[in-house]
Amino acid sequence: MNNSFYNDFAARFAAGTLSSLVESFNNQVGKRGFNSARAAYDQALIDELVRRGIDVSAVFDGTTISFAHYVGLDNNSLVIRK
């Protein structure tokens, strides 16, 4: 993973609100392209959510992030929106 990309995304997410982080996640739903910048973006996003104490187990198993569904925030947990 490109540390420069990761550091840039991590700083941006650290300055964001929880609602902006959820919006950033939802903006990735359905996108299929993948490269080092996308990997850094995705990991920095998940890392920031975890750092803030958000349960991300609905979309992240510790290895793989799923962008198959839109999410919402409920009681400090990401939940799949129906």
PDB file of N, CA and C in Angstrom:
ATOM      1  N   MET A   1       0.842  -1.173   0.000  1.00  0.00           N
ATOM      2  CA  MET A   1       0.000   0.000   0.000  1.00  0.00           C
ATOM      3  C   MET A   1       0.889   1.240   0.000  1.00  0.00           C
ATOM      4  N   ASN A   2       0.473   2.250  -0.715  1.00  0.00           N
ATOM      5  CA  ASN A   2       1.227   3.491  -0.808  1.00  0.00           C
ATOM      6  C   ASN A   2       1.014   4.315   0.462  1.00  0.00           C
ATOM      7  N   ASN A   3       2.068   4.465   1.274  1.00  0.00           N
ATOM      8  CA  ASN A   3       1.964   5.185   2.541  1.00  0.00           C
ATOM      9  C   ASN A   3       1.623   6.649   2.364  1.00  0.00           C
ATOM     10  N   SER A   4       2.062   7.257   1.263  1.00  0.00           N
ATOM     11  CA  SER A   4       1.748   8.659   1.015  1.00  0.00           C
ATOM     12  C   SER A   4       0.243   8.838   0.827  1.00  0.00           C
ATOM     13  N   PHE A   5      -0.359   7.983   0.001  1.00  0.00           N
ATOM     14  CA  PHE A   5      -1.812   8.025  -0.180  1.00  0.00           C
ATOM     15  C   PHE A   5      -2.510   7.774   1.154  1.00  0.00           C
ATOM     16  N   TYR A   6      -2.083   6.733   1.858  1.00  0.00           N
ATOM     17  CA  TYR A   6      -2.715   6.377   3.127  1.00  0.00           C
ATOM     18  C   TYR A   6      -2.658   7.553   4.103  1.00  0.00           C
ATOM     19  N   ASN A   7      -1.491   8.160   4.252  1.00  0.00           N
ATOM     20  CA  ASN A   7      -1.332   9.276   5.186  1.00  0.00           C
ATOM     21  C   ASN A   7      -2.222  10.460   4.818  1.00  0.00           C
ATOM     22  N   ASP A   8      -2.337  10.740   3.524  1.00  0.00           N
ATOM     23  CA  ASP A   8      -3.203  11.834   3.077  1.00  0.00           C
ATOM     24  C   ASP A   8      -4.663  11.541   3.403  1.00  0.00           C
ATOM     25  N   PHE A   9      -5.109  10.321   3.090  1.00  0.00           N
ATOM     26  CA  PHE A   9      -6.492   9.951   3.371  1.00  0.00           C
ATOM     27  C   PHE A   9      -6.747   9.898   4.874  1.00  0.00           C
ATOM     28  N   ALA A  10      -5.803   9.366   5.637  1.00  0.00           N
ATOM     29  CA  ALA A  10      -5.969   9.260   7.091  1.00  0.00           C
ATOM     30  C   ALA A  10      -6.132  10.647   7.713  1.00  0.00           C
ATOM     31  N   ALA A  11      -5.370  11.608   7.264  1.00  0.00           N
ATOM     32  CA  ALA A  11      -5.478  12.980   7.793  1.00  0.00           C
ATOM     33  C   ALA A  11      -6.839  13.577   7.442  1.00  0.00           C
ATOM     34  N   ARG A  12      -7.282  13.329   6.229  1.00  0.00           N
ATOM     35  CA  ARG A  12      -8.589  13.856   5.811  1.00  0.00           C
ATOM     36  C   ARG A  12      -9.716  13.238   6.622  1.00  0.00           C
ATOM     37  N   PHE A  13      -9.663  11.930   6.817  1.00  0.00           N
ATOM     38  CA  PHE A  13     -10.720  11.263   7.578  1.00  0.00           C
ATOM     39  C   PHE A  13     -10.677  11.659   9.049  1.00  0.00           C
ATOM     40  N   ALA A  14      -9.495  11.860   9.606  1.00  0.00           N
ATOM     41  CA  ALA A  14      -9.368  12.255  11.012  1.00  0.00           C
ATOM     42  C   ALA A  14     -10.037  13.604  11.262  1.00  0.00           C
ATOM     43  N   ALA A  15     -10.046  14.452  10.261  1.00  0.00           N
ATOM     44  CA  ALA A  15     -10.642  15.781  10.393  1.00  0.00           C
ATOM     45  C   ALA A  15     -12.143  15.774  10.098  1.00  0.00           C
ATOM     46  N   GLY A  16     -12.662  14.669   9.594  1.00  0.00           N
ATOM     47  CA  GLY A  16     -14.062  14.606   9.194  1.00  0.00           C
ATOM     48  C   GLY A  16     -15.003  14.245  10.332  1.00  0.00           C
ATOM     49  N   THR A  17     -16.274  14.454  10.079  1.00  0.00           N
ATOM     50  CA  THR A  17     -17.313  14.059  11.029  1.00  0.00           C
ATOM     51  C   THR A  17     -17.671  12.597  10.797  1.00  0.00           C
ATOM     52  N   LEU A  18     -18.351  12.003  11.770  1.00  0.00           N
ATOM     53  CA  LEU A  18     -18.802  10.620  11.583  1.00  0.00           C
ATOM     54  C   LEU A  18     -19.729  10.508  10.385  1.00  0.00           C
ATOM     55  N   SER A  19     -20.617  11.463  10.231  1.00  0.00           N
ATOM     56  CA  SER A  19     -21.532  11.387   9.086  1.00  0.00           C
ATOM     57  C   SER A  19     -20.780  11.495   7.760  1.00  0.00           C
ATOM     58  N   SER A  20     -19.705  12.276   7.724  1.00  0.00           N
ATOM     59  CA  SER A  20     -18.926  12.362   6.482  1.00  0.00           C
ATOM     60  C   SER A  20     -18.172  11.055   6.219  1.00  0.00           C
ATOM     61  N   LEU A  21     -17.772  10.350   7.273  1.00  0.00           N
ATOM     62  CA  LEU A  21     -17.113   9.054   7.086  1.00  0.00           C
ATOM     63  C   LEU A  21     -18.090   8.031   6.529  1.00  0.00           C
ATOM     64  N   VAL A  22     -19.312   8.025   7.058  1.00  0.00           N
ATOM     65  CA  VAL A  22     -20.336   7.110   6.542  1.00  0.00           C
ATOM     66  C   VAL A  22     -20.634   7.456   5.081  1.00  0.00           C
ATOM     67  N   GLU A  23     -20.727   8.725   4.783  1.00  0.00           N
ATOM     68  CA  GLU A  23     -20.962   9.156   3.402  1.00  0.00           C
ATOM     69  C   GLU A  23     -19.810   8.715   2.494  1.00  0.00           C
ATOM     70  N   SER A  24     -18.578   8.839   2.982  1.00  0.00           N
ATOM     71  CA  SER A  24     -17.418   8.394   2.200  1.00  0.00           C
ATOM     72  C   SER A  24     -17.493   6.901   1.925  1.00  0.00           C
ATOM     73  N   PHE A  25     -17.894   6.128   2.940  1.00  0.00           N
ATOM     74  CA  PHE A  25     -18.066   4.691   2.740  1.00  0.00           C
ATOM     75  C   PHE A  25     -19.121   4.443   1.672  1.00  0.00           C
ATOM     76  N   ASN A  26     -20.274   5.063   1.819  1.00  0.00           N
ATOM     77  CA  ASN A  26     -21.382   4.826   0.891  1.00  0.00           C
ATOM     78  C   ASN A  26     -21.054   5.260  -0.532  1.00  0.00           C
ATOM     79  N   ASN A  27     -20.166   6.224  -0.697  1.00  0.00           N
ATOM     80  CA  ASN A  27     -19.743   6.642  -2.037  1.00  0.00           C
ATOM     81  C   ASN A  27     -18.949   5.551  -2.753  1.00  0.00           C
ATOM     82  N   GLN A  28     -18.427   4.580  -2.014  1.00  0.00           N
ATOM     83  CA  GLN A  28     -17.644   3.497  -2.616  1.00  0.00           C
ATOM     84  C   GLN A  28     -18.500   2.295  -3.019  1.00  0.00           C
ATOM     85  N   VAL A  29     -19.754   2.267  -2.549  1.00  0.00           N
ATOM     86  CA  VAL A  29     -20.635   1.127  -2.840  1.00  0.00           C
ATOM     87  C   VAL A  29     -20.839   1.012  -4.348  1.00  0.00           C
ATOM     88  N   GLY A  30     -20.596  -0.188  -4.849  1.00  0.00           N
ATOM     89  CA  GLY A  30     -20.805  -0.472  -6.263  1.00  0.00           C
ATOM     90  C   GLY A  30     -19.644  -0.135  -7.177  1.00  0.00           C
ATOM     91  N   LYS A  31     -18.630   0.526  -6.673  1.00  0.00           N
ATOM     92  CA  LYS A  31     -17.469   0.849  -7.506  1.00  0.00           C
ATOM     93  C   LYS A  31     -16.575  -0.374  -7.602  1.00  0.00           C
ATOM     94  N   ARG A  32     -16.157  -0.686  -8.814  1.00  0.00           N
ATOM     95  CA  ARG A  32     -15.391  -1.909  -9.036  1.00  0.00           C
ATOM     96  C   ARG A  32     -13.911  -1.679  -9.276  1.00  0.00           C
ATOM     97  N   GLY A  33     -13.529  -0.487  -9.647  1.00  0.00           N
ATOM     98  CA  GLY A  33     -12.123  -0.210  -9.918  1.00  0.00           C
ATOM     99  C   GLY A  33     -11.287  -0.346  -8.653  1.00  0.00           C
ATOM    100  N   PHE A  34     -10.051  -0.819  -8.821  1.00  0.00           N
ATOM    101  CA  PHE A  34      -9.192  -0.997  -7.659  1.00  0.00           C
ATOM    102  C   PHE A  34      -7.748  -0.720  -8.045  1.00  0.00           C
ATOM    103  N   ASN A  35      -7.078   0.066  -7.223  1.00  0.00           N
ATOM    104  CA  ASN A  35      -5.661   0.364  -7.413  1.00  0.00           C
ATOM    105  C   ASN A  35      -5.069   0.711  -6.050  1.00  0.00           C
ATOM    106  N   SER A  36      -3.825   1.124  -6.010  1.00  0.00           N
ATOM    107  CA  SER A  36      -3.181   1.384  -4.722  1.00  0.00           C
ATOM    108  C   SER A  36      -3.817   2.568  -3.994  1.00  0.00           C
ATOM    109  N   ALA A  37      -4.273   3.573  -4.727  1.00  0.00           N
ATOM    110  CA  ALA A  37      -4.928   4.707  -4.084  1.00  0.00           C
ATOM    111  C   ALA A  37      -6.247   4.270  -3.451  1.00  0.00           C
ATOM    112  N   ARG A  38      -6.997   3.446  -4.156  1.00  0.00           N
ATOM    113  CA  ARG A  38      -8.268   2.947  -3.609  1.00  0.00           C
ATOM    114  C   ARG A  38      -8.017   2.088  -2.373  1.00  0.00           C
ATOM    115  N   ALA A  39      -7.006   1.241  -2.404  1.00  0.00           N
ATOM    116  CA  ALA A  39      -6.678   0.403  -1.248  1.00  0.00           C
ATOM    117  C   ALA A  39      -6.327   1.274  -0.043  1.00  0.00           C
ATOM    118  N   ALA A  40      -5.549   2.330  -0.262  1.00  0.00           N
ATOM    119  CA  ALA A  40      -5.166   3.230   0.820  1.00  0.00           C
ATOM    120  C   ALA A  40      -6.381   3.973   1.366  1.00  0.00           C
ATOM    121  N   TYR A  41      -7.256   4.421   0.474  1.00  0.00           N
ATOM    122  CA  TYR A  41      -8.484   5.118   0.860  1.00  0.00           C
ATOM    123  C   TYR A  41      -9.351   4.218   1.736  1.00  0.00           C
ATOM    124  N   ASP A  42      -9.598   3.014   1.261  1.00  0.00           N
ATOM    125  CA  ASP A  42     -10.455   2.069   1.980  1.00  0.00           C
ATOM    126  C   ASP A  42      -9.888   1.749   3.359  1.00  0.00           C
ATOM    127  N   GLN A  43      -8.595   1.474   3.431  1.00  0.00           N
ATOM    128  CA  GLN A  43      -7.991   1.108   4.708  1.00  0.00           C
ATOM    129  C   GLN A  43      -7.972   2.289   5.668  1.00  0.00           C
ATOM    130  N   ALA A  44      -7.671   3.482   5.167  1.00  0.00           N
ATOM    131  CA  ALA A  44      -7.662   4.666   6.028  1.00  0.00           C
ATOM    132  C   ALA A  44      -9.063   4.958   6.565  1.00  0.00           C
ATOM    133  N   LEU A  45     -10.068   4.737   5.757  1.00  0.00           N
ATOM    134  CA  LEU A  45     -11.452   4.950   6.180  1.00  0.00           C
ATOM    135  C   LEU A  45     -11.835   3.981   7.291  1.00  0.00           C
ATOM    136  N   ILE A  46     -11.581   2.699   7.083  1.00  0.00           N
ATOM    137  CA  ILE A  46     -11.896   1.695   8.103  1.00  0.00           C
ATOM    138  C   ILE A  46     -11.087   1.967   9.373  1.00  0.00           C
ATOM    139  N   ASP A  47      -9.820   2.285   9.229  1.00  0.00           N
ATOM    140  CA  ASP A  47      -8.975   2.555  10.399  1.00  0.00           C
ATOM    141  C   ASP A  47      -9.511   3.730  11.219  1.00  0.00           C
ATOM    142  N   GLU A  48      -9.983   4.767  10.544  1.00  0.00           N
ATOM    143  CA  GLU A  48     -10.513   5.930  11.272  1.00  0.00           C
ATOM    144  C   GLU A  48     -11.821   5.583  11.982  1.00  0.00           C
ATOM    145  N   LEU A  49     -12.666   4.816  11.344  1.00  0.00           N
ATOM    146  CA  LEU A  49     -13.905   4.396  12.007  1.00  0.00           C
ATOM    147  C   LEU A  49     -13.590   3.577  13.259  1.00  0.00           C
ATOM    148  N   VAL A  50     -12.662   2.651  13.138  1.00  0.00           N
ATOM    149  CA  VAL A  50     -12.259   1.828  14.281  1.00  0.00           C
ATOM    150  C   VAL A  50     -11.636   2.699  15.371  1.00  0.00           C
ATOM    151  N   ARG A  51     -10.791   3.644  14.971  1.00  0.00           N
ATOM    152  CA  ARG A  51     -10.141   4.538  15.938  1.00  0.00           C
ATOM    153  C   ARG A  51     -11.185   5.299  16.759  1.00  0.00           C
ATOM    154  N   ARG A  52     -12.310   5.599  16.122  1.00  0.00           N
ATOM    155  CA  ARG A  52     -13.379   6.326  16.818  1.00  0.00           C
ATOM    156  C   ARG A  52     -14.320   5.398  17.600  1.00  0.00           C
ATOM    157  N   GLY A  53     -14.000   4.128  17.629  1.00  0.00           N
ATOM    158  CA  GLY A  53     -14.797   3.198  18.409  1.00  0.00           C
ATOM    159  C   GLY A  53     -16.030   2.673  17.705  1.00  0.00           C
ATOM    160  N   ILE A  54     -16.062   2.786  16.390  1.00  0.00           N
ATOM    161  CA  ILE A  54     -17.199   2.300  15.619  1.00  0.00           C
ATOM    162  C   ILE A  54     -16.992   0.825  15.295  1.00  0.00           C
ATOM    163  N   ASP A  55     -18.020   0.024  15.533  1.00  0.00           N
ATOM    164  CA  ASP A  55     -18.004  -1.397  15.183  1.00  0.00           C
ATOM    165  C   ASP A  55     -18.220  -1.507  13.680  1.00  0.00           C
ATOM    166  N   VAL A  56     -17.229  -2.010  12.971  1.00  0.00           N
ATOM    167  CA  VAL A  56     -17.295  -2.117  11.510  1.00  0.00           C
ATOM    168  C   VAL A  56     -17.481  -3.559  11.051  1.00  0.00           C
ATOM    169  N   SER A  57     -17.829  -4.460  11.978  1.00  0.00           N
ATOM    170  CA  SER A  57     -17.904  -5.885  11.652  1.00  0.00           C
ATOM    171  C   SER A  57     -18.949  -6.220  10.583  1.00  0.00           C
ATOM    172  N   ALA A  58     -19.894  -5.341  10.346  1.00  0.00           N
ATOM    173  CA  ALA A  58     -20.888  -5.591   9.297  1.00  0.00           C
ATOM    174  C   ALA A  58     -20.267  -5.511   7.899  1.00  0.00           C
ATOM    175  N   VAL A  59     -19.121  -4.832   7.785  1.00  0.00           N
ATOM    176  CA  VAL A  59     -18.509  -4.635   6.466  1.00  0.00           C
ATOM    177  C   VAL A  59     -17.036  -5.022   6.394  1.00  0.00           C
ATOM    178  N   PHE A  60     -16.441  -5.358   7.539  1.00  0.00           N
ATOM    179  CA  PHE A  60     -15.006  -5.653   7.572  1.00  0.00           C
ATOM    180  C   PHE A  60     -14.755  -6.831   8.499  1.00  0.00           C
ATOM    181  N   ASP A  61     -14.118  -7.866   7.951  1.00  0.00           N
ATOM    182  CA  ASP A  61     -13.861  -9.075   8.735  1.00  0.00           C
ATOM    183  C   ASP A  61     -12.433  -9.145   9.279  1.00  0.00           C
ATOM    184  N   GLY A  62     -11.724  -8.038   9.199  1.00  0.00           N
ATOM    185  CA  GLY A  62     -10.336  -8.011   9.637  1.00  0.00           C
ATOM    186  C   GLY A  62      -9.365  -8.126   8.482  1.00  0.00           C
ATOM    187  N   THR A  63      -9.876  -8.570   7.342  1.00  0.00           N
ATOM    188  CA  THR A  63      -9.059  -8.718   6.142  1.00  0.00           C
ATOM    189  C   THR A  63      -9.704  -8.044   4.937  1.00  0.00           C
ATOM    190  N   THR A  64     -10.982  -8.291   4.738  1.00  0.00           N
ATOM    191  CA  THR A  64     -11.688  -7.837   3.548  1.00  0.00           C
ATOM    192  C   THR A  64     -12.780  -6.835   3.912  1.00  0.00           C
ATOM    193  N   ILE A  65     -12.841  -5.759   3.135  1.00  0.00           N
ATOM    194  CA  ILE A  65     -13.885  -4.749   3.293  1.00  0.00           C
ATOM    195  C   ILE A  65     -14.920  -4.982   2.202  1.00  0.00           C
ATOM    196  N   SER A  66     -16.190  -5.038   2.578  1.00  0.00           N
ATOM    197  CA  SER A  66     -17.261  -5.213   1.609  1.00  0.00           C
ATOM    198  C   SER A  66     -17.974  -3.888   1.366  1.00  0.00           C
ATOM    199  N   PHE A  67     -18.026  -3.519   0.108  1.00  0.00           N
ATOM    200  CA  PHE A  67     -18.770  -2.331  -0.307  1.00  0.00           C
ATOM    201  C   PHE A  67     -20.006  -2.754  -1.105  1.00  0.00           C
ATOM    202  N   ALA A  68     -20.604  -3.870  -0.720  1.00  0.00           N
ATOM    203  CA  ALA A  68     -21.762  -4.406  -1.433  1.00  0.00           C
ATOM    204  C   ALA A  68     -23.053  -3.682  -1.072  1.00  0.00           C
ATOM    205  N   HIS A  69     -23.094  -3.056   0.122  1.00  0.00           N
ATOM    206  CA  HIS A  69     -24.328  -2.437   0.596  1.00  0.00           C
ATOM    207  C   HIS A  69     -24.036  -1.077   1.221  1.00  0.00           C
ATOM    208  N   TYR A  70     -25.032  -0.211   1.143  1.00  0.00           N
ATOM    209  CA  TYR A  70     -24.948   1.061   1.838  1.00  0.00           C
ATOM    210  C   TYR A  70     -25.075   0.806   3.333  1.00  0.00           C
ATOM    211  N   VAL A  71     -24.448   1.672   4.119  1.00  0.00           N
ATOM    212  CA  VAL A  71     -24.484   1.523   5.570  1.00  0.00           C
ATOM    213  C   VAL A  71     -25.025   2.789   6.220  1.00  0.00           C
ATOM    214  N   GLY A  72     -25.424   2.626   7.470  1.00  0.00           N
ATOM    215  CA  GLY A  72     -25.805   3.736   8.325  1.00  0.00           C
ATOM    216  C   GLY A  72     -25.112   3.538   9.658  1.00  0.00           C
ATOM    217  N   LEU A  73     -25.245   4.502  10.524  1.00  0.00           N
ATOM    218  CA  LEU A  73     -24.632   4.432  11.843  1.00  0.00           C
ATOM    219  C   LEU A  73     -25.735   4.262  12.873  1.00  0.00           C
ATOM    220  N   ASP A  74     -25.610   3.232  13.712  1.00  0.00           N
ATOM    221  CA  ASP A  74     -26.596   2.964  14.750  1.00  0.00           C
ATOM    222  C   ASP A  74     -25.868   2.519  16.013  1.00  0.00           C
ATOM    223  N   ASN A  75     -25.956   3.330  17.067  1.00  0.00           N
ATOM    224  CA  ASN A  75     -25.318   2.996  18.345  1.00  0.00           C
ATOM    225  C   ASN A  75     -23.849   2.602  18.183  1.00  0.00           C
ATOM    226  N   ASN A  76     -23.079   3.447  17.529  1.00  0.00           N
ATOM    227  CA  ASN A  76     -21.634   3.225  17.328  1.00  0.00           C
ATOM    228  C   ASN A  76     -21.316   1.969  16.542  1.00  0.00           C
ATOM    229  N   SER A  77     -22.220   1.563  15.662  1.00  0.00           N
ATOM    230  CA  SER A  77     -21.984   0.431  14.773  1.00  0.00           C
ATOM    231  C   SER A  77     -22.409   0.798  13.361  1.00  0.00           C
ATOM    232  N   LEU A  78     -21.613   0.350  12.404  1.00  0.00           N
ATOM    233  CA  LEU A  78     -22.078   0.429  11.028  1.00  0.00           C
ATOM    234  C   LEU A  78     -23.079  -0.685  10.820  1.00  0.00           C
ATOM    235  N   VAL A  79     -24.221  -0.352  10.245  1.00  0.00           N
ATOM    236  CA  VAL A  79     -25.251  -1.341   9.964  1.00  0.00           C
ATOM    237  C   VAL A  79     -25.632  -1.247   8.495  1.00  0.00           C
ATOM    238  N   ILE A  80     -25.946  -2.398   7.916  1.00  0.00           N
ATOM    239  CA  ILE A  80     -26.374  -2.452   6.516  1.00  0.00           C
ATOM    240  C   ILE A  80     -27.744  -1.797   6.424  1.00  0.00           C
ATOM    241  N   ARG A  81     -27.881  -0.865   5.477  1.00  0.00           N
ATOM    242  CA  ARG A  81     -29.187  -0.244   5.235  1.00  0.00           C
ATOM    243  C   ARG A  81     -29.993  -1.122   4.305  1.00  0.00           C
ATOM    244  N   LYS A  82     -31.208  -1.303   4.614  1.00  0.00           N
ATOM    245  CA  LYS A  82     -32.106  -2.132   3.787  1.00  0.00           C
ATOM    246  C   LYS A  82     -32.800  -1.292   2.753  1.00  0.00           C
TER     247      LYS A  82
END
